[in-house]
Every structure is written in structure tokens, then in C-alpha cells.
Amino acid sequence: MQYLGPFLILVWFIMTTMIYMSTKTKRRKFSYKSLFFGSLAWEKNSRNWLLILGLFLLVSLNSITDTFVFLILLGCYIIVLAGSGLLLHRGNHHQHIQALFFSIFLIGLACYPLLSNLR
């Protein structure tokens, strides 16, 4: 049962990656909000419910270390998406730079408790 949360989040990552790959390379109206959470209202989008259920199961059934590792993986995933968006000139480059800074902040936020436990 403890593997169900990470599995659902992995399915969400795969669905997001497929949506990202299906967008046109030179589309100027690219948005991370619509990529991660869809264009429908949040309660009508099945991807959002998949993510909410996966996060709930991850936090409630697994250790806190697993949650921090998930945050580090999410930060790395956003770095890859933002880097490829910059290289492919997809959308506005300012939003990709903001996503890079957010992901670096997220990785630092998740690494701090993990590294402080090593002492």
C-alpha cells in the first residue's frame, strides 16, 4: 500500500510529460499552470485528483524522508521541463527562468532537512 502514492505520482509525471511533448514547439501561449493542472476547473480535471490522491497517500503512508525525496525529484523534473522550454524557444523565456528559480528553491527547501539529519 505504501507504493500506491508514489505510483500515482509517477503516473501524473508521465501524463504531464506526454502533454508537454504534444504541445507545439513554437507556441507562444505556453503556460506551466495549464501544463500541470489543466485548463478545466480543478475539481473537474482527473489529473488533479490523481495528484491529490497520490500526495495524500505519499504523506500519510510513507516516511517524511520519502516526501522530501519526492520534492527533490519534482524540482529536477521542473528543471528538465524549463531547460527544454528554453532550448526549444517554447513560450516566454521569463516564465522558464522563473520555473528554474522555483525548482532550485524547491530542491534547496527539501535538501535542508535531509542534510540536517546527517549531523
C-alpha atoms as a PDB file:
ATOM      1  CA  MET A   1       0.000   0.000   0.000  1.00  0.00           C
ATOM      2  CA  GLN A   2       2.929   2.339   0.604  1.00  0.00           C
ATOM      3  CA  TYR A   3       3.888   2.150  -3.078  1.00  0.00           C
ATOM      4  CA  LEU A   4       0.495   3.314  -4.328  1.00  0.00           C
ATOM      5  CA  GLY A   5       1.148   7.022  -3.634  1.00  0.00           C
ATOM      6  CA  PRO A   6       4.499   7.184  -5.468  1.00  0.00           C
ATOM      7  CA  PHE A   7       2.994   5.107  -8.301  1.00  0.00           C
ATOM      8  CA  LEU A   8       0.096   7.579  -8.748  1.00  0.00           C
ATOM      9  CA  ILE A   9       2.515  10.495  -8.711  1.00  0.00           C
ATOM     10  CA  LEU A  10       4.675   8.713 -11.294  1.00  0.00           C
ATOM     11  CA  VAL A  11       1.588   8.292 -13.499  1.00  0.00           C
ATOM     12  CA  TRP A  12       0.928  12.041 -13.071  1.00  0.00           C
ATOM     13  CA  PHE A  13       4.546  12.785 -14.117  1.00  0.00           C
ATOM     14  CA  ILE A  14       4.144  10.611 -17.220  1.00  0.00           C
ATOM     15  CA  MET A  15       0.824  12.246 -18.150  1.00  0.00           C
ATOM     16  CA  THR A  16       2.344  15.709 -17.732  1.00  0.00           C
ATOM     17  CA  THR A  17       5.356  14.764 -19.840  1.00  0.00           C
ATOM     18  CA  MET A  18       3.129  13.444 -22.620  1.00  0.00           C
ATOM     19  CA  ILE A  19       1.097  16.662 -22.615  1.00  0.00           C
ATOM     20  CA  TYR A  20       4.320  18.699 -22.662  1.00  0.00           C
ATOM     21  CA  MET A  21       5.667  16.736 -25.612  1.00  0.00           C
ATOM     22  CA  SER A  22       2.424  17.084 -27.552  1.00  0.00           C
ATOM     23  CA  THR A  23       2.408  20.891 -27.445  1.00  0.00           C
ATOM     24  CA  LYS A  24       3.767  22.682 -30.464  1.00  0.00           C
ATOM     25  CA  THR A  25       7.392  23.735 -30.214  1.00  0.00           C
ATOM     26  CA  LYS A  26       6.929  27.401 -31.130  1.00  0.00           C
ATOM     27  CA  ARG A  27       3.651  28.003 -29.258  1.00  0.00           C
ATOM     28  CA  ARG A  28       3.708  31.440 -27.669  1.00  0.00           C
ATOM     29  CA  LYS A  29       0.857  30.821 -25.218  1.00  0.00           C
ATOM     30  CA  PHE A  30       2.620  28.114 -23.220  1.00  0.00           C
ATOM     31  CA  SER A  31       1.720  28.027 -19.518  1.00  0.00           C
ATOM     32  CA  TYR A  32       3.013  25.885 -16.686  1.00  0.00           C
ATOM     33  CA  LYS A  33      -0.345  26.256 -14.940  1.00  0.00           C
ATOM     34  CA  SER A  34      -2.188  24.650 -17.822  1.00  0.00           C
ATOM     35  CA  LEU A  35       0.559  22.028 -18.186  1.00  0.00           C
ATOM     36  CA  PHE A  36       0.495  20.871 -14.567  1.00  0.00           C
ATOM     37  CA  PHE A  37      -3.155  21.432 -13.668  1.00  0.00           C
ATOM     38  CA  GLY A  38      -5.040  21.527 -16.987  1.00  0.00           C
ATOM     39  CA  SER A  39      -7.400  24.087 -18.446  1.00  0.00           C
ATOM     40  CA  LEU A  40     -10.542  22.801 -16.710  1.00  0.00           C
ATOM     41  CA  ALA A  41     -11.608  23.745 -13.221  1.00  0.00           C
ATOM     42  CA  TRP A  42      -9.509  21.832 -10.713  1.00  0.00           C
ATOM     43  CA  GLU A  43     -12.376  19.687  -9.451  1.00  0.00           C
ATOM     44  CA  LYS A  44     -13.314  18.563 -12.981  1.00  0.00           C
ATOM     45  CA  ASN A  45      -9.813  17.529 -14.031  1.00  0.00           C
ATOM     46  CA  SER A  46      -8.918  13.902 -13.326  1.00  0.00           C
ATOM     47  CA  ARG A  47      -5.184  14.692 -13.356  1.00  0.00           C
ATOM     48  CA  ASN A  48      -5.637  16.968 -10.356  1.00  0.00           C
ATOM     49  CA  TRP A  49      -7.481  14.265  -8.421  1.00  0.00           C
ATOM     50  CA  LEU A  50      -4.762  11.791  -9.319  1.00  0.00           C
ATOM     51  CA  LEU A  51      -2.113  14.157  -7.956  1.00  0.00           C
ATOM     52  CA  ILE A  52      -4.110  14.955  -4.795  1.00  0.00           C
ATOM     53  CA  LEU A  53      -4.704  11.278  -4.065  1.00  0.00           C
ATOM     54  CA  GLY A  54      -1.062  10.413  -4.764  1.00  0.00           C
ATOM     55  CA  LEU A  55       0.216  13.185  -2.484  1.00  0.00           C
ATOM     56  CA  PHE A  56      -2.212  12.201   0.265  1.00  0.00           C
ATOM     57  CA  LEU A  57      -1.106   8.573   0.116  1.00  0.00           C
ATOM     58  CA  LEU A  58       2.570   9.575  -0.056  1.00  0.00           C
ATOM     59  CA  VAL A  59       2.363  11.797   3.011  1.00  0.00           C
ATOM     60  CA  SER A  60       0.128   9.539   5.073  1.00  0.00           C
ATOM     61  CA  LEU A  61       1.665   6.128   4.355  1.00  0.00           C
ATOM     62  CA  ASN A  62       5.359   6.847   3.771  1.00  0.00           C
ATOM     63  CA  SER A  63       8.078   8.408   5.880  1.00  0.00           C
ATOM     64  CA  ILE A  64       8.849  12.116   5.765  1.00  0.00           C
ATOM     65  CA  THR A  65      12.149  11.316   4.039  1.00  0.00           C
ATOM     66  CA  ASP A  66      10.238   9.885   1.090  1.00  0.00           C
ATOM     67  CA  THR A  67       8.255  13.114   0.851  1.00  0.00           C
ATOM     68  CA  PHE A  68      11.437  15.189   0.733  1.00  0.00           C
ATOM     69  CA  VAL A  69      12.896  12.882  -1.919  1.00  0.00           C
ATOM     70  CA  PHE A  70       9.697  13.388  -3.934  1.00  0.00           C
ATOM     71  CA  LEU A  71      10.145  17.168  -3.665  1.00  0.00           C
ATOM     72  CA  ILE A  72      13.725  16.853  -4.920  1.00  0.00           C
ATOM     73  CA  LEU A  73      12.548  14.721  -7.865  1.00  0.00           C
ATOM     74  CA  LEU A  74       9.812  17.263  -8.617  1.00  0.00           C
ATOM     75  CA  GLY A  75      12.404  20.042  -8.637  1.00  0.00           C
ATOM     76  CA  CYS A  76      14.627  18.077 -11.020  1.00  0.00           C
ATOM     77  CA  TYR A  77      11.606  17.408 -13.249  1.00  0.00           C
ATOM     78  CA  ILE A  78      10.792  21.120 -13.417  1.00  0.00           C
ATOM     79  CA  ILE A  79      14.441  21.891 -14.227  1.00  0.00           C
ATOM     80  CA  VAL A  80      14.293  19.481 -17.172  1.00  0.00           C
ATOM     81  CA  LEU A  81      10.997  20.966 -18.416  1.00  0.00           C
ATOM     82  CA  ALA A  82      12.174  24.551 -18.062  1.00  0.00           C
ATOM     83  CA  GLY A  83      15.543  23.791 -19.653  1.00  0.00           C
ATOM     84  CA  SER A  84      13.950  22.131 -22.649  1.00  0.00           C
ATOM     85  CA  GLY A  85      11.480  25.005 -22.909  1.00  0.00           C
ATOM     86  CA  LEU A  86      14.375  27.456 -23.056  1.00  0.00           C
ATOM     87  CA  LEU A  87      16.247  25.379 -25.630  1.00  0.00           C
ATOM     88  CA  LEU A  88      13.187  24.862 -27.846  1.00  0.00           C
ATOM     89  CA  HIS A  89      12.022  28.507 -27.539  1.00  0.00           C
ATOM     90  CA  ARG A  90       8.658  27.335 -26.267  1.00  0.00           C
ATOM     91  CA  GLY A  91       6.607  30.213 -24.870  1.00  0.00           C
ATOM     92  CA  ASN A  92       8.007  33.181 -22.983  1.00  0.00           C
ATOM     93  CA  HIS A  93      11.559  32.753 -21.684  1.00  0.00           C
ATOM     94  CA  HIS A  94      10.796  34.690 -18.478  1.00  0.00           C
ATOM     95  CA  GLN A  95       8.421  32.014 -17.234  1.00  0.00           C
ATOM     96  CA  HIS A  96      11.050  29.322 -17.846  1.00  0.00           C
ATOM     97  CA  ILE A  97      13.612  31.277 -15.838  1.00  0.00           C
ATOM     98  CA  GLN A  98      11.074  31.718 -13.029  1.00  0.00           C
ATOM     99  CA  ALA A  99      10.403  27.969 -13.122  1.00  0.00           C
ATOM    100  CA  LEU A 100      14.149  27.301 -12.875  1.00  0.00           C
ATOM    101  CA  PHE A 101      14.459  29.537  -9.811  1.00  0.00           C
ATOM    102  CA  PHE A 102      11.389  27.919  -8.235  1.00  0.00           C
ATOM    103  CA  SER A 103      12.779  24.446  -8.791  1.00  0.00           C
ATOM    104  CA  ILE A 104      16.155  25.393  -7.299  1.00  0.00           C
ATOM    105  CA  PHE A 105      14.326  26.830  -4.280  1.00  0.00           C
ATOM    106  CA  LEU A 106      12.246  23.641  -4.003  1.00  0.00           C
ATOM    107  CA  ILE A 107      15.320  21.421  -4.127  1.00  0.00           C
ATOM    108  CA  GLY A 108      17.078  23.546  -1.506  1.00  0.00           C
ATOM    109  CA  LEU A 109      13.997  23.509   0.707  1.00  0.00           C
ATOM    110  CA  ALA A 110      13.806  19.714   0.502  1.00  0.00           C
ATOM    111  CA  CYS A 111      17.556  19.111   0.916  1.00  0.00           C
ATOM    112  CA  TYR A 112      17.902  21.199   4.069  1.00  0.00           C
ATOM    113  CA  PRO A 113      16.033  18.819   6.438  1.00  0.00           C
ATOM    114  CA  LEU A 114      17.661  15.798   4.849  1.00  0.00           C
ATOM    115  CA  LEU A 115      21.145  17.215   5.264  1.00  0.00           C
ATOM    116  CA  SER A 116      20.496  18.498   8.794  1.00  0.00           C
ATOM    117  CA  ASN A 117      19.618  14.951   9.901  1.00  0.00           C
ATOM    118  CA  LEU A 118      23.077  13.733   8.902  1.00  0.00           C
ATOM    119  CA  ARG A 119      24.769  15.532  11.839  1.00  0.00           C
END
